[in-house]
Amino acid sequence: MGLSDSELLAAWRDGDNGAGEELFDRHVDAVARFFENKVRQGAEDLTQATFLRLLEGHHRLREGSAFRSFVFGIAHNVLREHLRQLARGRKVDPEVESMAELAPGPSTIVAEKQEHRLLLESLRRLPIASQIILELTYWERLPSHEVAEILDIAPPTARRRLSKARQQLNEAMRALAESPEVLESTIQSLNGWAEELRQQLGGPAKS
């Protein structure tokens, strides 16, 4: 059995660069997933920017905090800065604006199944904050307290936002579905379709 994130982090802080590389390998797929269905181009650059900031700031991780939450928190900040660039410097409201508005066009992810396409496009049409909380929950299988830490909100607020985001997703899928059968299949087996997409986007979530 390998070392835990916290054990690897302690070794990295003590000068073991190999431990830092192992942490990178363990979490890079998840960070790449975080960006892939949001930006039209540059997901790899944003992933690299996230880990560069991690390299510079891993000593700031608080004792008892989950390493993956810390990494996703950095990725979230990197994304917010990128959104300001897409909006040419104006403030972006993630509770209102969607990635489909800021980066128009279909998802760059190749999805052969109708259910996959429906889920990806529906997520991109949600308010950015809703897309993020759904993807962290369904793709990364993070508990609400970790999602709350990433988004810097209270856990009850995270749970309320997740419930609202699920309703928004259902409404978006109903508006975009090519047929009632595809809609029903996607809604009824949402966890399964999300799992398949997670595998396609970079492998299983790693803890």
N, C-alpha and C. Protein backbone atom coordinates (compact mmCIF):
# COMPACT_ATOMS: atom_id res chain seq x y z
N MET A 1 0.84 -1.20 0.00
CA MET A 1 0.00 0.00 0.00
C MET A 1 0.88 1.24 0.00
N GLY A 2 0.58 2.20 -0.89
CA GLY A 2 1.40 3.38 -1.01
C GLY A 2 1.16 4.37 0.11
N LEU A 3 1.97 5.38 0.12
CA LEU A 3 1.85 6.43 1.12
C LEU A 3 0.61 7.28 0.85
N SER A 4 0.03 7.84 1.91
CA SER A 4 -1.12 8.73 1.77
C SER A 4 -0.66 10.09 1.25
N ASP A 5 -1.61 10.91 0.84
CA ASP A 5 -1.28 12.26 0.39
C ASP A 5 -0.54 13.02 1.48
N SER A 6 -1.02 12.94 2.71
CA SER A 6 -0.40 13.70 3.80
C SER A 6 1.03 13.23 4.05
N GLU A 7 1.27 11.92 3.94
CA GLU A 7 2.63 11.39 4.13
C GLU A 7 3.55 11.85 3.00
N LEU A 8 3.04 11.83 1.78
CA LEU A 8 3.84 12.31 0.65
C LEU A 8 4.12 13.81 0.77
N LEU A 9 3.12 14.56 1.22
CA LEU A 9 3.31 15.99 1.39
C LEU A 9 4.39 16.28 2.43
N ALA A 10 4.35 15.54 3.54
CA ALA A 10 5.36 15.74 4.59
C ALA A 10 6.76 15.44 4.05
N ALA A 11 6.86 14.38 3.25
CA ALA A 11 8.16 14.04 2.67
C ALA A 11 8.61 15.11 1.68
N TRP A 12 7.67 15.62 0.91
CA TRP A 12 7.99 16.67 -0.06
C TRP A 12 8.51 17.92 0.65
N ARG A 13 7.84 18.28 1.74
CA ARG A 13 8.26 19.45 2.51
C ARG A 13 9.63 19.26 3.13
N ASP A 14 10.00 18.00 3.35
CA ASP A 14 11.32 17.70 3.91
C ASP A 14 12.40 17.59 2.84
N GLY A 15 12.01 17.88 1.59
CA GLY A 15 13.00 17.90 0.52
C GLY A 15 12.99 16.73 -0.42
N ASP A 16 12.01 15.82 -0.27
CA ASP A 16 11.93 14.67 -1.16
C ASP A 16 11.14 15.04 -2.41
N ASN A 17 11.84 15.43 -3.47
CA ASN A 17 11.17 15.85 -4.69
C ASN A 17 10.41 14.70 -5.36
N GLY A 18 10.86 13.47 -5.12
CA GLY A 18 10.15 12.31 -5.66
C GLY A 18 8.74 12.21 -5.10
N ALA A 19 8.57 12.58 -3.82
CA ALA A 19 7.24 12.57 -3.21
C ALA A 19 6.35 13.61 -3.88
N GLY A 20 6.93 14.77 -4.22
CA GLY A 20 6.16 15.78 -4.92
C GLY A 20 5.73 15.31 -6.30
N GLU A 21 6.62 14.61 -6.98
CA GLU A 21 6.28 14.07 -8.30
C GLU A 21 5.17 13.04 -8.21
N GLU A 22 5.20 12.23 -7.14
CA GLU A 22 4.14 11.24 -6.97
C GLU A 22 2.80 11.90 -6.71
N LEU A 23 2.80 12.99 -5.94
CA LEU A 23 1.55 13.73 -5.71
C LEU A 23 1.02 14.31 -7.02
N PHE A 24 1.92 14.82 -7.83
CA PHE A 24 1.52 15.34 -9.14
C PHE A 24 0.87 14.23 -9.97
N ASP A 25 1.54 13.09 -10.07
CA ASP A 25 1.00 11.98 -10.86
C ASP A 25 -0.35 11.52 -10.34
N ARG A 26 -0.53 11.59 -9.04
CA ARG A 26 -1.75 11.11 -8.41
C ARG A 26 -2.94 12.02 -8.71
N HIS A 27 -2.70 13.30 -8.89
CA HIS A 27 -3.81 14.26 -8.98
C HIS A 27 -3.91 15.00 -10.31
N VAL A 28 -2.96 14.80 -11.21
CA VAL A 28 -2.97 15.58 -12.45
C VAL A 28 -4.19 15.27 -13.31
N ASP A 29 -4.64 14.02 -13.36
CA ASP A 29 -5.81 13.68 -14.17
C ASP A 29 -7.06 14.42 -13.68
N ALA A 30 -7.22 14.48 -12.36
CA ALA A 30 -8.39 15.14 -11.80
C ALA A 30 -8.38 16.63 -12.10
N VAL A 31 -7.21 17.26 -12.01
CA VAL A 31 -7.12 18.69 -12.32
C VAL A 31 -7.40 18.93 -13.80
N ALA A 32 -6.89 18.05 -14.65
CA ALA A 32 -7.17 18.18 -16.09
C ALA A 32 -8.67 18.07 -16.35
N ARG A 33 -9.35 17.14 -15.67
CA ARG A 33 -10.80 17.01 -15.82
C ARG A 33 -11.50 18.30 -15.43
N PHE A 34 -10.99 18.95 -14.38
CA PHE A 34 -11.62 20.16 -13.88
C PHE A 34 -11.71 21.23 -14.98
N PHE A 35 -10.70 21.28 -15.84
CA PHE A 35 -10.66 22.32 -16.87
C PHE A 35 -11.26 21.89 -18.20
N GLU A 36 -11.25 20.61 -18.52
CA GLU A 36 -11.51 20.17 -19.88
C GLU A 36 -12.88 20.53 -20.42
N ASN A 37 -13.93 20.45 -19.62
CA ASN A 37 -15.26 20.76 -20.13
C ASN A 37 -15.64 22.21 -19.88
N LYS A 38 -14.69 23.02 -19.45
CA LYS A 38 -14.99 24.43 -19.19
C LYS A 38 -14.37 25.35 -20.23
N VAL A 39 -13.12 25.10 -20.58
CA VAL A 39 -12.45 26.01 -21.51
C VAL A 39 -12.40 25.42 -22.91
N ARG A 40 -12.49 26.29 -23.92
CA ARG A 40 -12.45 25.83 -25.29
C ARG A 40 -11.04 25.46 -25.71
N GLN A 41 -10.06 26.12 -25.15
CA GLN A 41 -8.66 25.82 -25.43
C GLN A 41 -7.82 26.24 -24.23
N GLY A 42 -6.67 25.60 -24.08
CA GLY A 42 -5.77 25.98 -23.01
C GLY A 42 -5.92 25.20 -21.73
N ALA A 43 -6.66 24.09 -21.74
CA ALA A 43 -6.84 23.31 -20.52
C ALA A 43 -5.50 22.80 -19.98
N GLU A 44 -4.62 22.40 -20.89
CA GLU A 44 -3.31 21.89 -20.46
C GLU A 44 -2.50 23.00 -19.79
N ASP A 45 -2.57 24.20 -20.36
CA ASP A 45 -1.84 25.33 -19.76
C ASP A 45 -2.37 25.65 -18.37
N LEU A 46 -3.67 25.59 -18.21
CA LEU A 46 -4.27 25.88 -16.90
C LEU A 46 -3.90 24.80 -15.89
N THR A 47 -3.83 23.57 -16.34
CA THR A 47 -3.40 22.48 -15.46
C THR A 47 -1.97 22.72 -14.99
N GLN A 48 -1.11 23.08 -15.93
CA GLN A 48 0.28 23.35 -15.57
C GLN A 48 0.39 24.53 -14.62
N ALA A 49 -0.41 25.57 -14.85
CA ALA A 49 -0.39 26.73 -13.97
C ALA A 49 -0.80 26.35 -12.55
N THR A 50 -1.76 25.44 -12.45
CA THR A 50 -2.22 24.99 -11.14
C THR A 50 -1.09 24.32 -10.37
N PHE A 51 -0.36 23.44 -11.04
CA PHE A 51 0.69 22.71 -10.34
C PHE A 51 1.93 23.58 -10.10
N LEU A 52 2.12 24.59 -10.92
CA LEU A 52 3.20 25.53 -10.65
C LEU A 52 2.90 26.29 -9.35
N ARG A 53 1.66 26.70 -9.18
CA ARG A 53 1.28 27.40 -7.95
C ARG A 53 1.35 26.45 -6.76
N LEU A 54 1.02 25.19 -6.99
CA LEU A 54 1.15 24.22 -5.92
C LEU A 54 2.60 24.08 -5.50
N LEU A 55 3.49 24.03 -6.48
CA LEU A 55 4.91 23.93 -6.20
C LEU A 55 5.39 25.11 -5.36
N GLU A 56 4.87 26.29 -5.67
CA GLU A 56 5.29 27.50 -4.97
C GLU A 56 4.63 27.66 -3.60
N GLY A 57 3.45 27.05 -3.42
CA GLY A 57 2.69 27.35 -2.21
C GLY A 57 2.26 26.17 -1.37
N HIS A 58 2.84 24.98 -1.58
CA HIS A 58 2.37 23.82 -0.84
C HIS A 58 2.63 23.93 0.67
N HIS A 59 3.54 24.80 1.06
CA HIS A 59 3.81 24.97 2.49
C HIS A 59 2.65 25.67 3.20
N ARG A 60 1.73 26.27 2.43
CA ARG A 60 0.61 26.98 3.05
C ARG A 60 -0.56 26.07 3.39
N LEU A 61 -0.50 24.82 2.99
CA LEU A 61 -1.60 23.89 3.29
C LEU A 61 -1.74 23.71 4.78
N ARG A 62 -2.96 23.96 5.30
CA ARG A 62 -3.20 23.87 6.73
C ARG A 62 -3.19 22.42 7.19
N GLU A 63 -2.72 22.21 8.41
CA GLU A 63 -2.71 20.88 9.01
C GLU A 63 -4.13 20.35 9.10
N GLY A 64 -4.36 19.12 8.65
CA GLY A 64 -5.68 18.51 8.73
C GLY A 64 -6.52 18.71 7.48
N SER A 65 -6.08 19.59 6.58
CA SER A 65 -6.83 19.80 5.34
C SER A 65 -6.47 18.72 4.32
N ALA A 66 -7.43 18.36 3.49
CA ALA A 66 -7.20 17.36 2.46
C ALA A 66 -6.35 17.96 1.34
N PHE A 67 -5.34 17.22 0.91
CA PHE A 67 -4.45 17.73 -0.15
C PHE A 67 -5.23 17.97 -1.43
N ARG A 68 -6.12 17.06 -1.80
CA ARG A 68 -6.84 17.23 -3.06
C ARG A 68 -7.74 18.46 -3.02
N SER A 69 -8.30 18.80 -1.84
CA SER A 69 -9.09 20.02 -1.73
C SER A 69 -8.22 21.24 -1.96
N PHE A 70 -6.99 21.19 -1.43
CA PHE A 70 -6.06 22.28 -1.62
C PHE A 70 -5.73 22.46 -3.10
N VAL A 71 -5.50 21.35 -3.79
CA VAL A 71 -5.18 21.41 -5.22
C VAL A 71 -6.35 21.96 -6.02
N PHE A 72 -7.55 21.46 -5.74
CA PHE A 72 -8.73 21.95 -6.45
C PHE A 72 -9.00 23.41 -6.12
N GLY A 73 -8.70 23.83 -4.90
CA GLY A 73 -8.85 25.24 -4.55
C GLY A 73 -7.96 26.12 -5.41
N ILE A 74 -6.73 25.67 -5.64
CA ILE A 74 -5.82 26.40 -6.53
C ILE A 74 -6.38 26.41 -7.95
N ALA A 75 -6.84 25.25 -8.43
CA ALA A 75 -7.42 25.17 -9.77
C ALA A 75 -8.61 26.11 -9.92
N HIS A 76 -9.42 26.20 -8.88
CA HIS A 76 -10.58 27.09 -8.90
C HIS A 76 -10.14 28.54 -9.06
N ASN A 77 -9.08 28.93 -8.35
CA ASN A 77 -8.58 30.29 -8.47
C ASN A 77 -7.99 30.55 -9.86
N VAL A 78 -7.28 29.56 -10.40
CA VAL A 78 -6.73 29.68 -11.75
C VAL A 78 -7.85 29.86 -12.77
N LEU A 79 -8.92 29.10 -12.60
CA LEU A 79 -10.06 29.22 -13.51
C LEU A 79 -10.69 30.60 -13.42
N ARG A 80 -10.86 31.13 -12.21
CA ARG A 80 -11.47 32.44 -12.06
C ARG A 80 -10.65 33.52 -12.77
N GLU A 81 -9.34 33.42 -12.68
CA GLU A 81 -8.49 34.39 -13.38
C GLU A 81 -8.63 34.23 -14.89
N HIS A 82 -8.74 32.99 -15.35
CA HIS A 82 -8.91 32.74 -16.78
C HIS A 82 -10.24 33.30 -17.27
N LEU A 83 -11.27 33.19 -16.45
CA LEU A 83 -12.59 33.71 -16.84
C LEU A 83 -12.54 35.23 -17.02
N ARG A 84 -11.79 35.90 -16.16
CA ARG A 84 -11.64 37.35 -16.32
C ARG A 84 -10.95 37.68 -17.65
N GLN A 85 -10.00 36.84 -18.03
CA GLN A 85 -9.34 37.05 -19.32
C GLN A 85 -10.32 36.85 -20.47
N LEU A 86 -11.14 35.80 -20.38
CA LEU A 86 -12.14 35.55 -21.42
C LEU A 86 -13.12 36.71 -21.52
N ALA A 87 -13.43 37.31 -20.37
CA ALA A 87 -14.38 38.42 -20.34
C ALA A 87 -13.69 39.77 -20.54
N ARG A 88 -12.40 39.72 -20.91
CA ARG A 88 -11.61 40.91 -21.22
C ARG A 88 -11.58 41.89 -20.04
N GLY A 89 -11.35 41.32 -18.86
CA GLY A 89 -11.12 42.14 -17.69
C GLY A 89 -12.33 42.47 -16.86
N ARG A 90 -13.52 42.30 -17.39
CA ARG A 90 -14.70 42.62 -16.58
C ARG A 90 -14.96 41.51 -15.57
N LYS A 91 -15.67 41.84 -14.53
CA LYS A 91 -15.98 40.86 -13.50
C LYS A 91 -17.02 39.86 -14.01
N VAL A 92 -16.75 38.59 -13.79
CA VAL A 92 -17.65 37.53 -14.21
C VAL A 92 -18.48 37.08 -13.01
N ASP A 93 -19.78 36.93 -13.20
CA ASP A 93 -20.66 36.45 -12.15
C ASP A 93 -20.88 34.95 -12.35
N PRO A 94 -20.20 34.09 -11.58
CA PRO A 94 -20.31 32.64 -11.80
C PRO A 94 -21.67 32.08 -11.41
N GLU A 95 -22.47 32.87 -10.69
CA GLU A 95 -23.81 32.41 -10.33
C GLU A 95 -24.81 32.63 -11.46
N VAL A 96 -24.40 33.36 -12.48
CA VAL A 96 -25.30 33.72 -13.58
C VAL A 96 -24.74 33.27 -14.93
N GLU A 97 -23.48 33.57 -15.19
CA GLU A 97 -22.90 33.33 -16.51
C GLU A 97 -22.42 31.88 -16.65
N SER A 98 -22.44 31.41 -17.88
CA SER A 98 -22.07 30.03 -18.17
C SER A 98 -20.83 29.99 -19.05
N MET A 99 -20.19 28.83 -19.11
CA MET A 99 -19.06 28.65 -20.00
C MET A 99 -19.50 28.72 -21.46
N ALA A 100 -20.72 28.31 -21.74
CA ALA A 100 -21.23 28.39 -23.11
C ALA A 100 -21.31 29.84 -23.58
N GLU A 101 -21.51 30.77 -22.65
CA GLU A 101 -21.54 32.19 -23.00
C GLU A 101 -20.14 32.77 -23.13
N LEU A 102 -19.25 32.39 -22.21
CA LEU A 102 -17.90 32.95 -22.21
C LEU A 102 -17.00 32.31 -23.25
N ALA A 103 -17.22 31.03 -23.53
CA ALA A 103 -16.43 30.31 -24.52
C ALA A 103 -17.39 29.56 -25.43
N PRO A 104 -18.05 30.27 -26.36
CA PRO A 104 -19.11 29.67 -27.18
C PRO A 104 -18.62 28.49 -28.00
N GLY A 105 -19.57 27.61 -28.30
CA GLY A 105 -19.26 26.43 -29.10
C GLY A 105 -19.45 25.17 -28.27
N PRO A 106 -19.57 24.04 -28.95
CA PRO A 106 -19.76 22.77 -28.23
C PRO A 106 -18.52 22.39 -27.46
N SER A 107 -18.69 21.45 -26.55
CA SER A 107 -17.55 20.93 -25.81
C SER A 107 -16.51 20.36 -26.76
N THR A 108 -15.23 20.57 -26.43
CA THR A 108 -14.16 20.02 -27.26
C THR A 108 -13.93 18.54 -26.99
N ILE A 109 -14.61 17.99 -26.00
CA ILE A 109 -14.47 16.58 -25.65
C ILE A 109 -15.26 15.74 -26.67
N VAL A 110 -14.62 14.74 -27.23
CA VAL A 110 -15.29 13.86 -28.19
C VAL A 110 -16.17 12.89 -27.42
N ALA A 111 -17.47 12.97 -27.68
CA ALA A 111 -18.44 12.12 -26.98
C ALA A 111 -19.30 11.41 -28.01
N GLU A 112 -19.18 10.10 -28.07
CA GLU A 112 -19.91 9.34 -29.08
C GLU A 112 -21.35 9.06 -28.66
N LYS A 113 -21.58 8.86 -27.39
CA LYS A 113 -22.93 8.52 -26.93
C LYS A 113 -23.78 9.77 -26.76
N GLN A 114 -25.04 9.65 -27.12
CA GLN A 114 -25.94 10.80 -27.01
C GLN A 114 -26.06 11.28 -25.57
N GLU A 115 -26.06 10.35 -24.64
CA GLU A 115 -26.18 10.74 -23.23
C GLU A 115 -24.97 11.56 -22.77
N HIS A 116 -23.79 11.18 -23.26
CA HIS A 116 -22.57 11.93 -22.92
C HIS A 116 -22.65 13.35 -23.48
N ARG A 117 -23.05 13.45 -24.73
CA ARG A 117 -23.14 14.78 -25.35
C ARG A 117 -24.16 15.64 -24.63
N LEU A 118 -25.27 15.05 -24.26
CA LEU A 118 -26.31 15.80 -23.57
C LEU A 118 -25.81 16.30 -22.21
N LEU A 119 -25.13 15.44 -21.48
CA LEU A 119 -24.63 15.82 -20.17
C LEU A 119 -23.56 16.91 -20.28
N LEU A 120 -22.62 16.75 -21.20
CA LEU A 120 -21.54 17.73 -21.36
C LEU A 120 -22.08 19.10 -21.77
N GLU A 121 -22.97 19.12 -22.75
CA GLU A 121 -23.49 20.40 -23.22
C GLU A 121 -24.39 21.05 -22.17
N SER A 122 -25.15 20.26 -21.45
CA SER A 122 -26.00 20.81 -20.40
C SER A 122 -25.17 21.44 -19.29
N LEU A 123 -24.09 20.77 -18.90
CA LEU A 123 -23.20 21.32 -17.88
C LEU A 123 -22.62 22.66 -18.32
N ARG A 124 -22.22 22.76 -19.58
CA ARG A 124 -21.62 24.01 -20.06
C ARG A 124 -22.62 25.16 -20.13
N ARG A 125 -23.91 24.85 -20.14
CA ARG A 125 -24.93 25.90 -20.21
C ARG A 125 -25.43 26.32 -18.83
N LEU A 126 -24.95 25.66 -17.79
CA LEU A 126 -25.32 26.04 -16.43
C LEU A 126 -24.49 27.23 -15.98
N PRO A 127 -24.95 27.98 -14.97
CA PRO A 127 -24.05 28.94 -14.34
C PRO A 127 -22.76 28.24 -13.94
N ILE A 128 -21.64 28.92 -14.10
CA ILE A 128 -20.33 28.29 -13.87
C ILE A 128 -20.25 27.69 -12.48
N ALA A 129 -20.77 28.37 -11.49
CA ALA A 129 -20.72 27.85 -10.12
C ALA A 129 -21.45 26.52 -10.00
N SER A 130 -22.56 26.39 -10.72
CA SER A 130 -23.32 25.15 -10.69
C SER A 130 -22.58 24.04 -11.42
N GLN A 131 -21.97 24.36 -12.55
CA GLN A 131 -21.18 23.36 -13.28
C GLN A 131 -20.04 22.83 -12.41
N ILE A 132 -19.36 23.73 -11.73
CA ILE A 132 -18.23 23.32 -10.90
C ILE A 132 -18.67 22.38 -9.79
N ILE A 133 -19.73 22.73 -9.08
CA ILE A 133 -20.13 21.93 -7.92
C ILE A 133 -20.64 20.56 -8.36
N LEU A 134 -21.28 20.49 -9.52
CA LEU A 134 -21.75 19.20 -10.03
C LEU A 134 -20.58 18.32 -10.46
N GLU A 135 -19.61 18.91 -11.14
CA GLU A 135 -18.48 18.11 -11.62
C GLU A 135 -17.61 17.64 -10.46
N LEU A 136 -17.43 18.47 -9.45
CA LEU A 136 -16.67 18.03 -8.28
C LEU A 136 -17.39 16.89 -7.56
N THR A 137 -18.71 16.93 -7.57
CA THR A 137 -19.50 15.91 -6.88
C THR A 137 -19.59 14.62 -7.68
N TYR A 138 -19.92 14.72 -8.97
CA TYR A 138 -20.17 13.52 -9.77
C TYR A 138 -18.89 12.93 -10.36
N TRP A 139 -17.97 13.78 -10.83
CA TRP A 139 -16.75 13.26 -11.45
C TRP A 139 -15.69 12.92 -10.41
N GLU A 140 -15.54 13.77 -9.41
CA GLU A 140 -14.48 13.54 -8.43
C GLU A 140 -14.98 12.88 -7.15
N ARG A 141 -16.28 12.76 -7.01
CA ARG A 141 -16.91 12.08 -5.87
C ARG A 141 -16.45 12.68 -4.54
N LEU A 142 -16.35 13.99 -4.51
CA LEU A 142 -15.92 14.67 -3.29
C LEU A 142 -17.10 14.88 -2.35
N PRO A 143 -16.90 14.68 -1.06
CA PRO A 143 -17.97 14.94 -0.09
C PRO A 143 -18.22 16.43 0.04
N SER A 144 -19.38 16.78 0.58
CA SER A 144 -19.79 18.18 0.61
C SER A 144 -18.83 19.05 1.41
N HIS A 145 -18.21 18.51 2.46
CA HIS A 145 -17.31 19.36 3.25
C HIS A 145 -16.04 19.70 2.47
N GLU A 146 -15.59 18.79 1.59
CA GLU A 146 -14.42 19.11 0.76
C GLU A 146 -14.80 20.10 -0.34
N VAL A 147 -15.97 19.91 -0.94
CA VAL A 147 -16.44 20.86 -1.94
C VAL A 147 -16.56 22.26 -1.32
N ALA A 148 -17.08 22.31 -0.10
CA ALA A 148 -17.21 23.59 0.59
C ALA A 148 -15.86 24.24 0.81
N GLU A 149 -14.86 23.44 1.17
CA GLU A 149 -13.52 23.98 1.40
C GLU A 149 -12.93 24.52 0.09
N ILE A 150 -13.13 23.80 -1.00
CA ILE A 150 -12.62 24.25 -2.30
C ILE A 150 -13.24 25.57 -2.70
N LEU A 151 -14.54 25.70 -2.50
CA LEU A 151 -15.27 26.89 -2.92
C LEU A 151 -15.27 27.99 -1.87
N ASP A 152 -14.70 27.70 -0.71
CA ASP A 152 -14.61 28.66 0.40
C ASP A 152 -16.00 29.10 0.86
N ILE A 153 -16.86 28.11 1.06
CA ILE A 153 -18.21 28.36 1.57
C ILE A 153 -18.49 27.36 2.69
N ALA A 154 -19.56 27.61 3.44
CA ALA A 154 -19.93 26.71 4.53
C ALA A 154 -20.54 25.43 3.95
N PRO A 155 -20.35 24.27 4.62
CA PRO A 155 -20.92 23.01 4.11
C PRO A 155 -22.43 23.07 3.87
N PRO A 156 -23.24 23.67 4.76
CA PRO A 156 -24.68 23.75 4.44
C PRO A 156 -24.95 24.53 3.16
N THR A 157 -24.16 25.57 2.92
CA THR A 157 -24.31 26.33 1.68
C THR A 157 -23.95 25.47 0.47
N ALA A 158 -22.91 24.68 0.60
CA ALA A 158 -22.52 23.78 -0.49
C ALA A 158 -23.64 22.79 -0.81
N ARG A 159 -24.27 22.26 0.23
CA ARG A 159 -25.35 21.30 0.00
C ARG A 159 -26.54 21.97 -0.68
N ARG A 160 -26.87 23.18 -0.28
CA ARG A 160 -27.98 23.91 -0.92
C ARG A 160 -27.66 24.20 -2.38
N ARG A 161 -26.43 24.61 -2.64
CA ARG A 161 -26.05 24.92 -4.01
C ARG A 161 -26.06 23.67 -4.89
N LEU A 162 -25.67 22.54 -4.32
CA LEU A 162 -25.69 21.29 -5.08
C LEU A 162 -27.11 20.91 -5.45
N SER A 163 -28.03 21.05 -4.51
CA SER A 163 -29.43 20.74 -4.79
C SER A 163 -29.98 21.64 -5.90
N LYS A 164 -29.65 22.92 -5.84
CA LYS A 164 -30.09 23.85 -6.88
C LYS A 164 -29.46 23.50 -8.22
N ALA A 165 -28.18 23.15 -8.20
CA ALA A 165 -27.47 22.82 -9.44
C ALA A 165 -28.07 21.58 -10.10
N ARG A 166 -28.47 20.61 -9.31
CA ARG A 166 -29.10 19.41 -9.87
C ARG A 166 -30.40 19.78 -10.59
N GLN A 167 -31.18 20.66 -10.00
CA GLN A 167 -32.42 21.10 -10.66
C GLN A 167 -32.11 21.83 -11.96
N GLN A 168 -31.10 22.68 -11.93
CA GLN A 168 -30.72 23.41 -13.14
C GLN A 168 -30.25 22.45 -14.23
N LEU A 169 -29.52 21.42 -13.85
CA LEU A 169 -29.04 20.44 -14.82
C LEU A 169 -30.21 19.71 -15.46
N ASN A 170 -31.16 19.28 -14.66
CA ASN A 170 -32.33 18.60 -15.22
C ASN A 170 -33.07 19.49 -16.22
N GLU A 171 -33.21 20.76 -15.87
CA GLU A 171 -33.90 21.70 -16.77
C GLU A 171 -33.12 21.89 -18.06
N ALA A 172 -31.80 22.00 -17.95
CA ALA A 172 -30.98 22.16 -19.15
C ALA A 172 -31.05 20.93 -20.04
N MET A 173 -31.02 19.75 -19.44
CA MET A 173 -31.09 18.52 -20.24
C MET A 173 -32.44 18.39 -20.92
N ARG A 174 -33.49 18.78 -20.24
CA ARG A 174 -34.82 18.72 -20.87
C ARG A 174 -34.89 19.65 -22.08
N ALA A 175 -34.20 20.78 -22.01
CA ALA A 175 -34.24 21.74 -23.12
C ALA A 175 -33.40 21.27 -24.30
N LEU A 176 -32.36 20.47 -24.04
CA LEU A 176 -31.42 20.10 -25.09
C LEU A 176 -31.59 18.69 -25.62
N ALA A 177 -32.31 17.85 -24.92
CA ALA A 177 -32.39 16.43 -25.28
C ALA A 177 -32.94 16.23 -26.69
N GLU A 178 -32.29 15.34 -27.44
CA GLU A 178 -32.72 15.04 -28.80
C GLU A 178 -33.99 14.19 -28.83
N SER A 179 -34.23 13.47 -27.75
CA SER A 179 -35.43 12.63 -27.69
C SER A 179 -35.79 12.38 -26.24
N PRO A 180 -37.06 12.05 -25.95
CA PRO A 180 -37.44 11.73 -24.57
C PRO A 180 -36.68 10.53 -24.04
N GLU A 181 -36.34 9.58 -24.93
CA GLU A 181 -35.65 8.38 -24.49
C GLU A 181 -34.24 8.71 -24.00
N VAL A 182 -33.52 9.56 -24.73
CA VAL A 182 -32.17 9.96 -24.32
C VAL A 182 -32.23 10.73 -23.01
N LEU A 183 -33.21 11.62 -22.89
CA LEU A 183 -33.36 12.39 -21.65
C LEU A 183 -33.60 11.47 -20.47
N GLU A 184 -34.52 10.54 -20.62
CA GLU A 184 -34.85 9.63 -19.52
C GLU A 184 -33.64 8.78 -19.14
N SER A 185 -32.93 8.27 -20.15
CA SER A 185 -31.75 7.45 -19.89
C SER A 185 -30.69 8.24 -19.13
N THR A 186 -30.47 9.49 -19.52
CA THR A 186 -29.44 10.31 -18.88
C THR A 186 -29.81 10.64 -17.45
N ILE A 187 -31.07 11.01 -17.23
CA ILE A 187 -31.50 11.37 -15.88
C ILE A 187 -31.47 10.17 -14.95
N GLN A 188 -31.97 9.03 -15.43
CA GLN A 188 -32.08 7.85 -14.58
C GLN A 188 -30.72 7.24 -14.24
N SER A 189 -29.74 7.41 -15.12
CA SER A 189 -28.43 6.78 -14.90
C SER A 189 -27.33 7.83 -14.87
N LEU A 190 -27.60 8.96 -14.23
CA LEU A 190 -26.67 10.07 -14.24
C LEU A 190 -25.31 9.69 -13.66
N ASN A 191 -25.31 8.96 -12.56
CA ASN A 191 -24.04 8.55 -11.96
C ASN A 191 -23.22 7.69 -12.91
N GLY A 192 -23.90 6.79 -13.64
CA GLY A 192 -23.21 5.92 -14.57
C GLY A 192 -22.61 6.68 -15.74
N TRP A 193 -23.38 7.62 -16.31
CA TRP A 193 -22.85 8.41 -17.42
C TRP A 193 -21.70 9.29 -16.94
N ALA A 194 -21.82 9.84 -15.75
CA ALA A 194 -20.74 10.67 -15.20
C ALA A 194 -19.48 9.84 -15.00
N GLU A 195 -19.65 8.59 -14.55
CA GLU A 195 -18.50 7.70 -14.35
C GLU A 195 -17.80 7.41 -15.68
N GLU A 196 -18.57 7.15 -16.73
CA GLU A 196 -17.99 6.87 -18.03
C GLU A 196 -17.22 8.09 -18.55
N LEU A 197 -17.79 9.27 -18.37
CA LEU A 197 -17.12 10.48 -18.82
C LEU A 197 -15.84 10.73 -18.03
N ARG A 198 -15.88 10.44 -16.74
CA ARG A 198 -14.68 10.62 -15.92
C ARG A 198 -13.55 9.73 -16.43
N GLN A 199 -13.89 8.50 -16.79
CA GLN A 199 -12.87 7.60 -17.33
C GLN A 199 -12.33 8.15 -18.65
N GLN A 200 -13.21 8.70 -19.47
CA GLN A 200 -12.80 9.24 -20.76
C GLN A 200 -11.91 10.47 -20.60
N LEU A 201 -12.18 11.26 -19.58
CA LEU A 201 -11.47 12.52 -19.39
C LEU A 201 -10.13 12.37 -18.69
N GLY A 202 -9.80 11.20 -18.21
CA GLY A 202 -8.49 11.11 -17.57
C GLY A 202 -8.38 10.06 -16.50
N GLY A 203 -9.24 9.07 -16.53
CA GLY A 203 -9.08 7.98 -15.57
C GLY A 203 -9.89 8.21 -14.31
N PRO A 204 -9.88 7.23 -13.42
CA PRO A 204 -10.67 7.30 -12.21
C PRO A 204 -10.16 8.34 -11.24
N ALA A 205 -11.08 8.84 -10.42
CA ALA A 205 -10.68 9.77 -9.38
C ALA A 205 -9.75 9.06 -8.41
N LYS A 206 -8.76 9.76 -7.95
CA LYS A 206 -7.77 9.15 -7.05
C LYS A 206 -7.84 9.81 -5.70
N SER A 207 -7.77 9.02 -4.66
CA SER A 207 -7.85 9.58 -3.31
C SER A 207 -6.50 9.48 -2.63
